[in-house]
């Protein structure tokens, strides 16, 4: 039976209906409500529903969902198919956890580095035995532009130009483009170079992943890279199937 998977992130809500491991329906909205969930689940004859949310304001009637579906709210308490060694699992972003579960599903028995380029840029490694120890969080591309504008008196608010490829800028706006875009690129390359001694794969996801994907394809790391925009959804689908198999 199909699974309805819902990922409510900071900027958008992603939904997908999975039949086994294949997405047969997907939707991205700014927000979602109980009625939307019920309509989609009934339309696609879903048996299982999993919801992951980092939003404080997203509320659903879980008792009502449990009446007709096997409903699961993803949390740090969920039974998962990897070993999580994060020292404060309650503070670990659910999108980060779902992403490494998805990475482990795609590349079983491999070391995988996940780069999630969204509001923040996160770097998380899961090893070939399915062990997750943690990762790194840095400011995302747009956050860096906003910070320079907000915390200075003269620098403008610059819009992210994904086509900018200059090493240096000869005006303030271009200098900021150069600083931010080259900065995040050098940062990402540094993480890859650090892990290059291991046999590993790299998966890109998040709203700004295309920026990194384009640059990586023109680098020595091209053979390592997979751009998978549905990585978090794949991880959540893996979790809901795992709940069913272990309950």
C-alpha atoms as a PDB file:
ATOM      1  CA  UNK A   1       0.000   0.000   0.000  1.00  0.00           C
ATOM      2  CA  UNK A   2       1.225   3.552  -0.718  1.00  0.00           C
ATOM      3  CA  UNK A   3       2.793   5.785   1.928  1.00  0.00           C
ATOM      4  CA  UNK A   4       2.148   9.520   2.267  1.00  0.00           C
ATOM      5  CA  UNK A   5       5.324  11.313   3.324  1.00  0.00           C
ATOM      6  CA  UNK A   6       5.253  14.941   4.511  1.00  0.00           C
ATOM      7  CA  UNK A   7       8.273  17.136   5.194  1.00  0.00           C
ATOM      8  CA  UNK A   8       7.365  20.549   6.619  1.00  0.00           C
ATOM      9  CA  UNK A   9      10.532  22.615   6.370  1.00  0.00           C
ATOM     10  CA  UNK A  10      11.277  26.240   7.184  1.00  0.00           C
ATOM     11  CA  UNK A  11      10.264  27.621   3.798  1.00  0.00           C
ATOM     12  CA  UNK A  12       7.970  25.002   2.229  1.00  0.00           C
ATOM     13  CA  UNK A  13       6.047  21.796   2.782  1.00  0.00           C
ATOM     14  CA  UNK A  14       6.955  18.862   0.539  1.00  0.00           C
ATOM     15  CA  UNK A  15       4.627  15.891   0.128  1.00  0.00           C
ATOM     16  CA  UNK A  16       5.140  12.673  -1.758  1.00  0.00           C
ATOM     17  CA  UNK A  17       3.234   9.445  -2.224  1.00  0.00           C
ATOM     18  CA  UNK A  18       5.525   6.419  -2.415  1.00  0.00           C
ATOM     19  CA  UNK A  19       4.703   2.997  -3.783  1.00  0.00           C
ATOM     20  CA  UNK A  20       7.525   0.975  -2.269  1.00  0.00           C
ATOM     21  CA  UNK A  21      10.554   3.158  -3.143  1.00  0.00           C
ATOM     22  CA  UNK A  22       9.054   5.029  -6.098  1.00  0.00           C
ATOM     23  CA  UNK A  23       7.454   8.482  -5.919  1.00  0.00           C
ATOM     24  CA  UNK A  24       4.148   8.393  -7.792  1.00  0.00           C
ATOM     25  CA  UNK A  25       2.861  11.814  -6.702  1.00  0.00           C
ATOM     26  CA  UNK A  26       4.533  14.909  -5.259  1.00  0.00           C
ATOM     27  CA  UNK A  27       3.535  18.414  -4.249  1.00  0.00           C
ATOM     28  CA  UNK A  28       5.265  21.444  -2.763  1.00  0.00           C
ATOM     29  CA  UNK A  29       3.232  24.107  -0.945  1.00  0.00           C
ATOM     30  CA  UNK A  30       3.888  27.001   1.414  1.00  0.00           C
ATOM     31  CA  UNK A  31       1.753  25.306   4.055  1.00  0.00           C
ATOM     32  CA  UNK A  32      -0.705  22.443   4.498  1.00  0.00           C
ATOM     33  CA  UNK A  33      -3.663  21.575   6.690  1.00  0.00           C
ATOM     34  CA  UNK A  34      -5.515  18.523   7.940  1.00  0.00           C
ATOM     35  CA  UNK A  35      -8.015  18.515   5.083  1.00  0.00           C
ATOM     36  CA  UNK A  36      -5.241  18.571   2.455  1.00  0.00           C
ATOM     37  CA  UNK A  37      -3.546  15.599   4.088  1.00  0.00           C
ATOM     38  CA  UNK A  38      -6.770  13.575   4.236  1.00  0.00           C
ATOM     39  CA  UNK A  39      -7.672  14.351   0.626  1.00  0.00           C
ATOM     40  CA  UNK A  40      -4.286  13.279  -0.725  1.00  0.00           C
ATOM     41  CA  UNK A  41      -4.111  10.175   1.460  1.00  0.00           C
ATOM     42  CA  UNK A  42      -7.598   9.046   0.441  1.00  0.00           C
ATOM     43  CA  UNK A  43      -7.101   9.867  -3.233  1.00  0.00           C
ATOM     44  CA  UNK A  44      -3.991   7.672  -3.415  1.00  0.00           C
ATOM     45  CA  UNK A  45      -5.317   4.999  -1.042  1.00  0.00           C
ATOM     46  CA  UNK A  46      -2.450   5.448   1.368  1.00  0.00           C
ATOM     47  CA  UNK A  47      -2.146   3.155   4.347  1.00  0.00           C
ATOM     48  CA  UNK A  48       0.725   4.859   6.166  1.00  0.00           C
ATOM     49  CA  UNK A  49       1.377   8.563   6.811  1.00  0.00           C
ATOM     50  CA  UNK A  50       4.562  10.052   8.235  1.00  0.00           C
ATOM     51  CA  UNK A  51       4.957  13.732   9.106  1.00  0.00           C
ATOM     52  CA  UNK A  52       8.205  15.517   9.904  1.00  0.00           C
ATOM     53  CA  UNK A  53       7.965  19.179  10.851  1.00  0.00           C
ATOM     54  CA  UNK A  54      10.344  21.877  12.053  1.00  0.00           C
ATOM     55  CA  UNK A  55       7.451  24.352  12.153  1.00  0.00           C
ATOM     56  CA  UNK A  56       5.917  25.390  15.447  1.00  0.00           C
ATOM     57  CA  UNK A  57       2.611  26.392  13.846  1.00  0.00           C
ATOM     58  CA  UNK A  58       1.853  23.219  11.902  1.00  0.00           C
ATOM     59  CA  UNK A  59      -0.737  21.251  13.853  1.00  0.00           C
ATOM     60  CA  UNK A  60      -2.705  18.188  12.853  1.00  0.00           C
ATOM     61  CA  UNK A  61      -5.315  16.124  14.613  1.00  0.00           C
ATOM     62  CA  UNK A  62      -3.214  13.046  15.161  1.00  0.00           C
ATOM     63  CA  UNK A  63      -6.033  11.077  16.773  1.00  0.00           C
ATOM     64  CA  UNK A  64      -8.189  11.614  13.687  1.00  0.00           C
ATOM     65  CA  UNK A  65      -5.390  10.536  11.362  1.00  0.00           C
ATOM     66  CA  UNK A  66      -4.833   7.404  13.420  1.00  0.00           C
ATOM     67  CA  UNK A  67      -8.461   6.384  12.971  1.00  0.00           C
ATOM     68  CA  UNK A  68      -8.040   5.598   9.291  1.00  0.00           C
ATOM     69  CA  UNK A  69      -4.280   5.410   8.735  1.00  0.00           C
ATOM     70  CA  UNK A  70      -1.105   4.192  10.366  1.00  0.00           C
ATOM     71  CA  UNK A  71       0.098   7.667  11.309  1.00  0.00           C
ATOM     72  CA  UNK A  72       3.613   8.381  12.597  1.00  0.00           C
ATOM     73  CA  UNK A  73       5.077  11.696  13.729  1.00  0.00           C
ATOM     74  CA  UNK A  74       8.811  11.583  13.045  1.00  0.00           C
ATOM     75  CA  UNK A  75      10.889  12.523  16.086  1.00  0.00           C
ATOM     76  CA  UNK A  76      14.104  11.724  17.922  1.00  0.00           C
ATOM     77  CA  UNK A  77      12.195   8.836  19.515  1.00  0.00           C
ATOM     78  CA  UNK A  78      11.339   7.159  16.207  1.00  0.00           C
ATOM     79  CA  UNK A  79      12.685   3.684  15.515  1.00  0.00           C
ATOM     80  CA  UNK A  80      15.213   4.164  12.706  1.00  0.00           C
ATOM     81  CA  UNK A  81      17.386   1.853  10.554  1.00  0.00           C
ATOM     82  CA  UNK A  82      20.673   3.568  11.470  1.00  0.00           C
ATOM     83  CA  UNK A  83      22.593   4.041  14.715  1.00  0.00           C
ATOM     84  CA  UNK A  84      22.460   7.642  15.920  1.00  0.00           C
ATOM     85  CA  UNK A  85      25.392   8.657  18.139  1.00  0.00           C
ATOM     86  CA  UNK A  86      24.451  12.354  18.261  1.00  0.00           C
ATOM     87  CA  UNK A  87      24.901  13.392  21.896  1.00  0.00           C
ATOM     88  CA  UNK A  88      21.741  15.536  22.001  1.00  0.00           C
ATOM     89  CA  UNK A  89      19.305  13.747  19.663  1.00  0.00           C
ATOM     90  CA  UNK A  90      16.429  15.991  20.753  1.00  0.00           C
ATOM     91  CA  UNK A  91      18.225  19.001  19.261  1.00  0.00           C
ATOM     92  CA  UNK A  92      19.192  17.312  16.002  1.00  0.00           C
ATOM     93  CA  UNK A  93      17.249  18.742  13.057  1.00  0.00           C
ATOM     94  CA  UNK A  94      14.788  16.154  11.808  1.00  0.00           C
ATOM     95  CA  UNK A  95      15.632  17.047   8.210  1.00  0.00           C
ATOM     96  CA  UNK A  96      19.304  16.241   8.891  1.00  0.00           C
ATOM     97  CA  UNK A  97      18.381  12.911  10.453  1.00  0.00           C
ATOM     98  CA  UNK A  98      15.998  11.998   7.628  1.00  0.00           C
ATOM     99  CA  UNK A  99      18.630  12.984   5.048  1.00  0.00           C
ATOM    100  CA  UNK A 100      21.297  10.633   6.418  1.00  0.00           C
ATOM    101  CA  UNK A 101      18.713   7.837   6.646  1.00  0.00           C
ATOM    102  CA  UNK A 102      17.906   8.485   2.981  1.00  0.00           C
ATOM    103  CA  UNK A 103      21.606   8.524   2.128  1.00  0.00           C
ATOM    104  CA  UNK A 104      22.088   5.181   3.856  1.00  0.00           C
ATOM    105  CA  UNK A 105      19.130   3.798   1.884  1.00  0.00           C
ATOM    106  CA  UNK A 106      20.535   4.959  -1.480  1.00  0.00           C
ATOM    107  CA  UNK A 107      24.162   3.993  -0.819  1.00  0.00           C
ATOM    108  CA  UNK A 108      23.978   0.997   1.498  1.00  0.00           C
ATOM    109  CA  UNK A 109      27.381  -0.099   2.818  1.00  0.00           C
ATOM    110  CA  UNK A 110      29.096   3.135   1.716  1.00  0.00           C
ATOM    111  CA  UNK A 111      30.413   6.161   3.553  1.00  0.00           C
ATOM    112  CA  UNK A 112      28.214   9.067   2.480  1.00  0.00           C
ATOM    113  CA  UNK A 113      28.598  12.814   2.934  1.00  0.00           C
ATOM    114  CA  UNK A 114      25.291  14.697   2.712  1.00  0.00           C
ATOM    115  CA  UNK A 115      25.408  18.389   1.802  1.00  0.00           C
ATOM    116  CA  UNK A 116      22.018  20.017   2.374  1.00  0.00           C
ATOM    117  CA  UNK A 117      22.083  23.551   0.959  1.00  0.00           C
ATOM    118  CA  UNK A 118      19.017  25.299   2.312  1.00  0.00           C
ATOM    119  CA  UNK A 119      18.413  28.099   4.823  1.00  0.00           C
ATOM    120  CA  UNK A 120      21.565  26.772   6.457  1.00  0.00           C
ATOM    121  CA  UNK A 121      24.162  24.543   4.822  1.00  0.00           C
ATOM    122  CA  UNK A 122      24.661  21.287   6.671  1.00  0.00           C
ATOM    123  CA  UNK A 123      27.335  18.642   6.198  1.00  0.00           C
ATOM    124  CA  UNK A 124      26.600  15.203   7.643  1.00  0.00           C
ATOM    125  CA  UNK A 125      28.501  11.950   7.288  1.00  0.00           C
ATOM    126  CA  UNK A 126      27.082   8.457   7.742  1.00  0.00           C
ATOM    127  CA  UNK A 127      29.511   5.576   7.542  1.00  0.00           C
ATOM    128  CA  UNK A 128      29.303   2.283   5.701  1.00  0.00           C
ATOM    129  CA  UNK A 129      27.953   0.526   8.792  1.00  0.00           C
ATOM    130  CA  UNK A 130      25.056   2.961   9.183  1.00  0.00           C
ATOM    131  CA  UNK A 131      26.606   4.917  12.063  1.00  0.00           C
ATOM    132  CA  UNK A 132      25.870   8.632  12.324  1.00  0.00           C
ATOM    133  CA  UNK A 133      28.016  10.728  14.651  1.00  0.00           C
ATOM    134  CA  UNK A 134      27.122  14.297  13.687  1.00  0.00           C
ATOM    135  CA  UNK A 135      28.053  16.999  11.244  1.00  0.00           C
ATOM    136  CA  UNK A 136      28.465  20.722  10.679  1.00  0.00           C
ATOM    137  CA  UNK A 137      26.068  23.635  10.254  1.00  0.00           C
ATOM    138  CA  UNK A 138      26.924  26.940   8.574  1.00  0.00           C
ATOM    139  CA  UNK A 139      24.967  29.902   7.275  1.00  0.00           C
ATOM    140  CA  UNK A 140      23.225  29.420   3.938  1.00  0.00           C
ATOM    141  CA  UNK A 141      23.786  31.560   0.857  1.00  0.00           C
ATOM    142  CA  UNK A 142      20.891  33.969   1.332  1.00  0.00           C
ATOM    143  CA  UNK A 143      21.488  34.143   5.065  1.00  0.00           C
ATOM    144  CA  UNK A 144      25.024  35.378   4.393  1.00  0.00           C
ATOM    145  CA  UNK A 145      23.806  38.129   2.078  1.00  0.00           C
ATOM    146  CA  UNK A 146      21.185  39.219   4.623  1.00  0.00           C
ATOM    147  CA  UNK A 147      23.686  39.182   7.486  1.00  0.00           C
ATOM    148  CA  UNK A 148      26.109  41.521   5.698  1.00  0.00           C
ATOM    149  CA  UNK A 149      23.295  43.951   4.989  1.00  0.00           C
ATOM    150  CA  UNK A 150      21.802  43.740   8.475  1.00  0.00           C
ATOM    151  CA  UNK A 151      24.997  44.016  10.484  1.00  0.00           C
ATOM    152  CA  UNK A 152      26.664  46.821   8.523  1.00  0.00           C
ATOM    153  CA  UNK A 153      25.546  50.365   7.831  1.00  0.00           C
ATOM    154  CA  UNK A 154      26.479  50.629   4.142  1.00  0.00           C
ATOM    155  CA  UNK A 155      26.477  47.237   2.468  1.00  0.00           C
ATOM    156  CA  UNK A 156      23.394  46.657   0.294  1.00  0.00           C
ATOM    157  CA  UNK A 157      21.057  43.655   0.359  1.00  0.00           C
ATOM    158  CA  UNK A 158      22.316  41.660  -2.617  1.00  0.00           C
ATOM    159  CA  UNK A 159      20.251  39.021  -4.396  1.00  0.00           C
ATOM    160  CA  UNK A 160      21.902  35.664  -4.986  1.00  0.00           C
ATOM    161  CA  UNK A 161      23.104  35.429  -8.599  1.00  0.00           C
ATOM    162  CA  UNK A 162      23.765  31.756  -9.346  1.00  0.00           C
ATOM    163  CA  UNK A 163      25.499  32.703 -12.626  1.00  0.00           C
ATOM    164  CA  UNK A 164      28.177  34.788 -10.923  1.00  0.00           C
ATOM    165  CA  UNK A 165      31.574  33.162 -11.516  1.00  0.00           C
ATOM    166  CA  UNK A 166      34.123  35.928 -10.967  1.00  0.00           C
ATOM    167  CA  UNK A 167      36.949  35.499  -8.467  1.00  0.00           C
ATOM    168  CA  UNK A 168      36.776  39.166  -7.465  1.00  0.00           C
ATOM    169  CA  UNK A 169      34.234  41.967  -7.657  1.00  0.00           C
ATOM    170  CA  UNK A 170      35.025  45.526  -8.790  1.00  0.00           C
ATOM    171  CA  UNK A 171      32.022  47.055  -6.993  1.00  0.00           C
ATOM    172  CA  UNK A 172      30.409  46.371  -3.625  1.00  0.00           C
ATOM    173  CA  UNK A 173      27.592  44.172  -4.922  1.00  0.00           C
ATOM    174  CA  UNK A 174      29.928  41.996  -6.990  1.00  0.00           C
ATOM    175  CA  UNK A 175      32.439  41.851  -4.164  1.00  0.00           C
ATOM    176  CA  UNK A 176      29.685  40.490  -1.926  1.00  0.00           C
ATOM    177  CA  UNK A 177      28.662  37.970  -4.590  1.00  0.00           C
ATOM    178  CA  UNK A 178      32.289  36.882  -4.827  1.00  0.00           C
ATOM    179  CA  UNK A 179      32.715  36.623  -1.073  1.00  0.00           C
ATOM    180  CA  UNK A 180      29.563  34.629  -0.423  1.00  0.00           C
ATOM    181  CA  UNK A 181      29.573  32.322  -3.444  1.00  0.00           C
ATOM    182  CA  UNK A 182      33.279  31.590  -3.467  1.00  0.00           C
ATOM    183  CA  UNK A 183      33.139  31.272   0.312  1.00  0.00           C
ATOM    184  CA  UNK A 184      30.454  28.554   0.315  1.00  0.00           C
ATOM    185  CA  UNK A 185      32.125  26.797  -2.615  1.00  0.00           C
ATOM    186  CA  UNK A 186      35.543  26.713  -0.909  1.00  0.00           C
ATOM    187  CA  UNK A 187      33.824  25.547   2.270  1.00  0.00           C
ATOM    188  CA  UNK A 188      32.112  22.636   0.494  1.00  0.00           C
ATOM    189  CA  UNK A 189      35.311  21.703  -1.365  1.00  0.00           C
ATOM    190  CA  UNK A 190      37.150  21.704   1.943  1.00  0.00           C
ATOM    191  CA  UNK A 191      34.746  19.156   3.416  1.00  0.00           C
ATOM    192  CA  UNK A 192      35.173  16.909   0.377  1.00  0.00           C
ATOM    193  CA  UNK A 193      38.946  17.181   0.502  1.00  0.00           C
ATOM    194  CA  UNK A 194      38.885  16.325   4.211  1.00  0.00           C
ATOM    195  CA  UNK A 195      36.984  13.106   3.536  1.00  0.00           C
ATOM    196  CA  UNK A 196      38.831  12.214   0.340  1.00  0.00           C
ATOM    197  CA  UNK A 197      40.963   9.582   2.105  1.00  0.00           C
ATOM    198  CA  UNK A 198      37.807   7.516   2.683  1.00  0.00           C
ATOM    199  CA  UNK A 199      35.832   5.706   0.030  1.00  0.00           C
ATOM    200  CA  UNK A 200      32.658   7.755   0.073  1.00  0.00           C
ATOM    201  CA  UNK A 201      29.795   9.149  -1.944  1.00  0.00           C
ATOM    202  CA  UNK A 202      28.348  12.669  -1.815  1.00  0.00           C
ATOM    203  CA  UNK A 203      24.653  13.508  -2.026  1.00  0.00           C
ATOM    204  CA  UNK A 204      23.431  17.067  -2.555  1.00  0.00           C
ATOM    205  CA  UNK A 205      19.965  18.247  -1.560  1.00  0.00           C
ATOM    206  CA  UNK A 206      18.218  21.470  -0.543  1.00  0.00           C
ATOM    207  CA  UNK A 207      16.997  24.518  -2.397  1.00  0.00           C
ATOM    208  CA  UNK A 208      20.474  25.778  -3.368  1.00  0.00           C
ATOM    209  CA  UNK A 209      21.911  22.367  -4.271  1.00  0.00           C
ATOM    210  CA  UNK A 210      21.940  23.196  -7.991  1.00  0.00           C
ATOM    211  CA  UNK A 211      24.590  25.877  -7.350  1.00  0.00           C
ATOM    212  CA  UNK A 212      26.926  23.269  -5.849  1.00  0.00           C
ATOM    213  CA  UNK A 213      25.975  20.606  -8.381  1.00  0.00           C
ATOM    214  CA  UNK A 214      26.980  22.869 -11.288  1.00  0.00           C
ATOM    215  CA  UNK A 215      30.363  23.624  -9.749  1.00  0.00           C
ATOM    216  CA  UNK A 216      31.073  20.069  -8.662  1.00  0.00           C
ATOM    217  CA  UNK A 217      30.381  18.789 -12.184  1.00  0.00           C
ATOM    218  CA  UNK A 218      33.278  20.930 -13.381  1.00  0.00           C
ATOM    219  CA  UNK A 219      35.626  19.675 -10.666  1.00  0.00           C
ATOM    220  CA  UNK A 220      37.661  16.598  -9.843  1.00  0.00           C
ATOM    221  CA  UNK A 221      34.826  15.493  -7.534  1.00  0.00           C
ATOM    222  CA  UNK A 222      32.251  15.086 -10.335  1.00  0.00           C
ATOM    223  CA  UNK A 223      32.280  11.261 -10.167  1.00  0.00           C
ATOM    224  CA  UNK A 224      31.327  11.313  -6.471  1.00  0.00           C
ATOM    225  CA  UNK A 225      28.263  13.551  -6.680  1.00  0.00           C
ATOM    226  CA  UNK A 226      24.568  12.673  -6.737  1.00  0.00           C
ATOM    227  CA  UNK A 227      22.007  15.487  -6.705  1.00  0.00           C
ATOM    228  CA  UNK A 228      18.890  14.058  -5.027  1.00  0.00           C
ATOM    229  CA  UNK A 229      16.293  16.762  -4.271  1.00  0.00           C
ATOM    230  CA  UNK A 230      13.995  14.204  -2.598  1.00  0.00           C
ATOM    231  CA  UNK A 231      16.574  12.869  -0.156  1.00  0.00           C
ATOM    232  CA  UNK A 232      14.659  13.853   3.004  1.00  0.00           C
ATOM    233  CA  UNK A 233      11.437  12.353   1.609  1.00  0.00           C
ATOM    234  CA  UNK A 234      13.293   9.139   0.759  1.00  0.00           C
ATOM    235  CA  UNK A 235      14.582   9.021   4.320  1.00  0.00           C
ATOM    236  CA  UNK A 236      11.114   9.527   5.770  1.00  0.00           C
ATOM    237  CA  UNK A 237       9.653   6.825   3.539  1.00  0.00           C
ATOM    238  CA  UNK A 238      12.413   4.505   4.742  1.00  0.00           C
ATOM    239  CA  UNK A 239      11.470   5.308   8.346  1.00  0.00           C
ATOM    240  CA  UNK A 240       7.733   4.696   7.925  1.00  0.00           C
ATOM    241  CA  UNK A 241       8.418   1.346   6.229  1.00  0.00           C
ATOM    242  CA  UNK A 242      10.815   0.473   9.059  1.00  0.00           C
ATOM    243  CA  UNK A 243       8.132   1.288  11.661  1.00  0.00           C
ATOM    244  CA  UNK A 244       5.768  -1.113   9.948  1.00  0.00           C
ATOM    245  CA  UNK A 245       8.369  -3.902   9.801  1.00  0.00           C
ATOM    246  CA  UNK A 246       9.385  -3.520  13.461  1.00  0.00           C
ATOM    247  CA  UNK A 247       6.021  -3.107  15.193  1.00  0.00           C
END
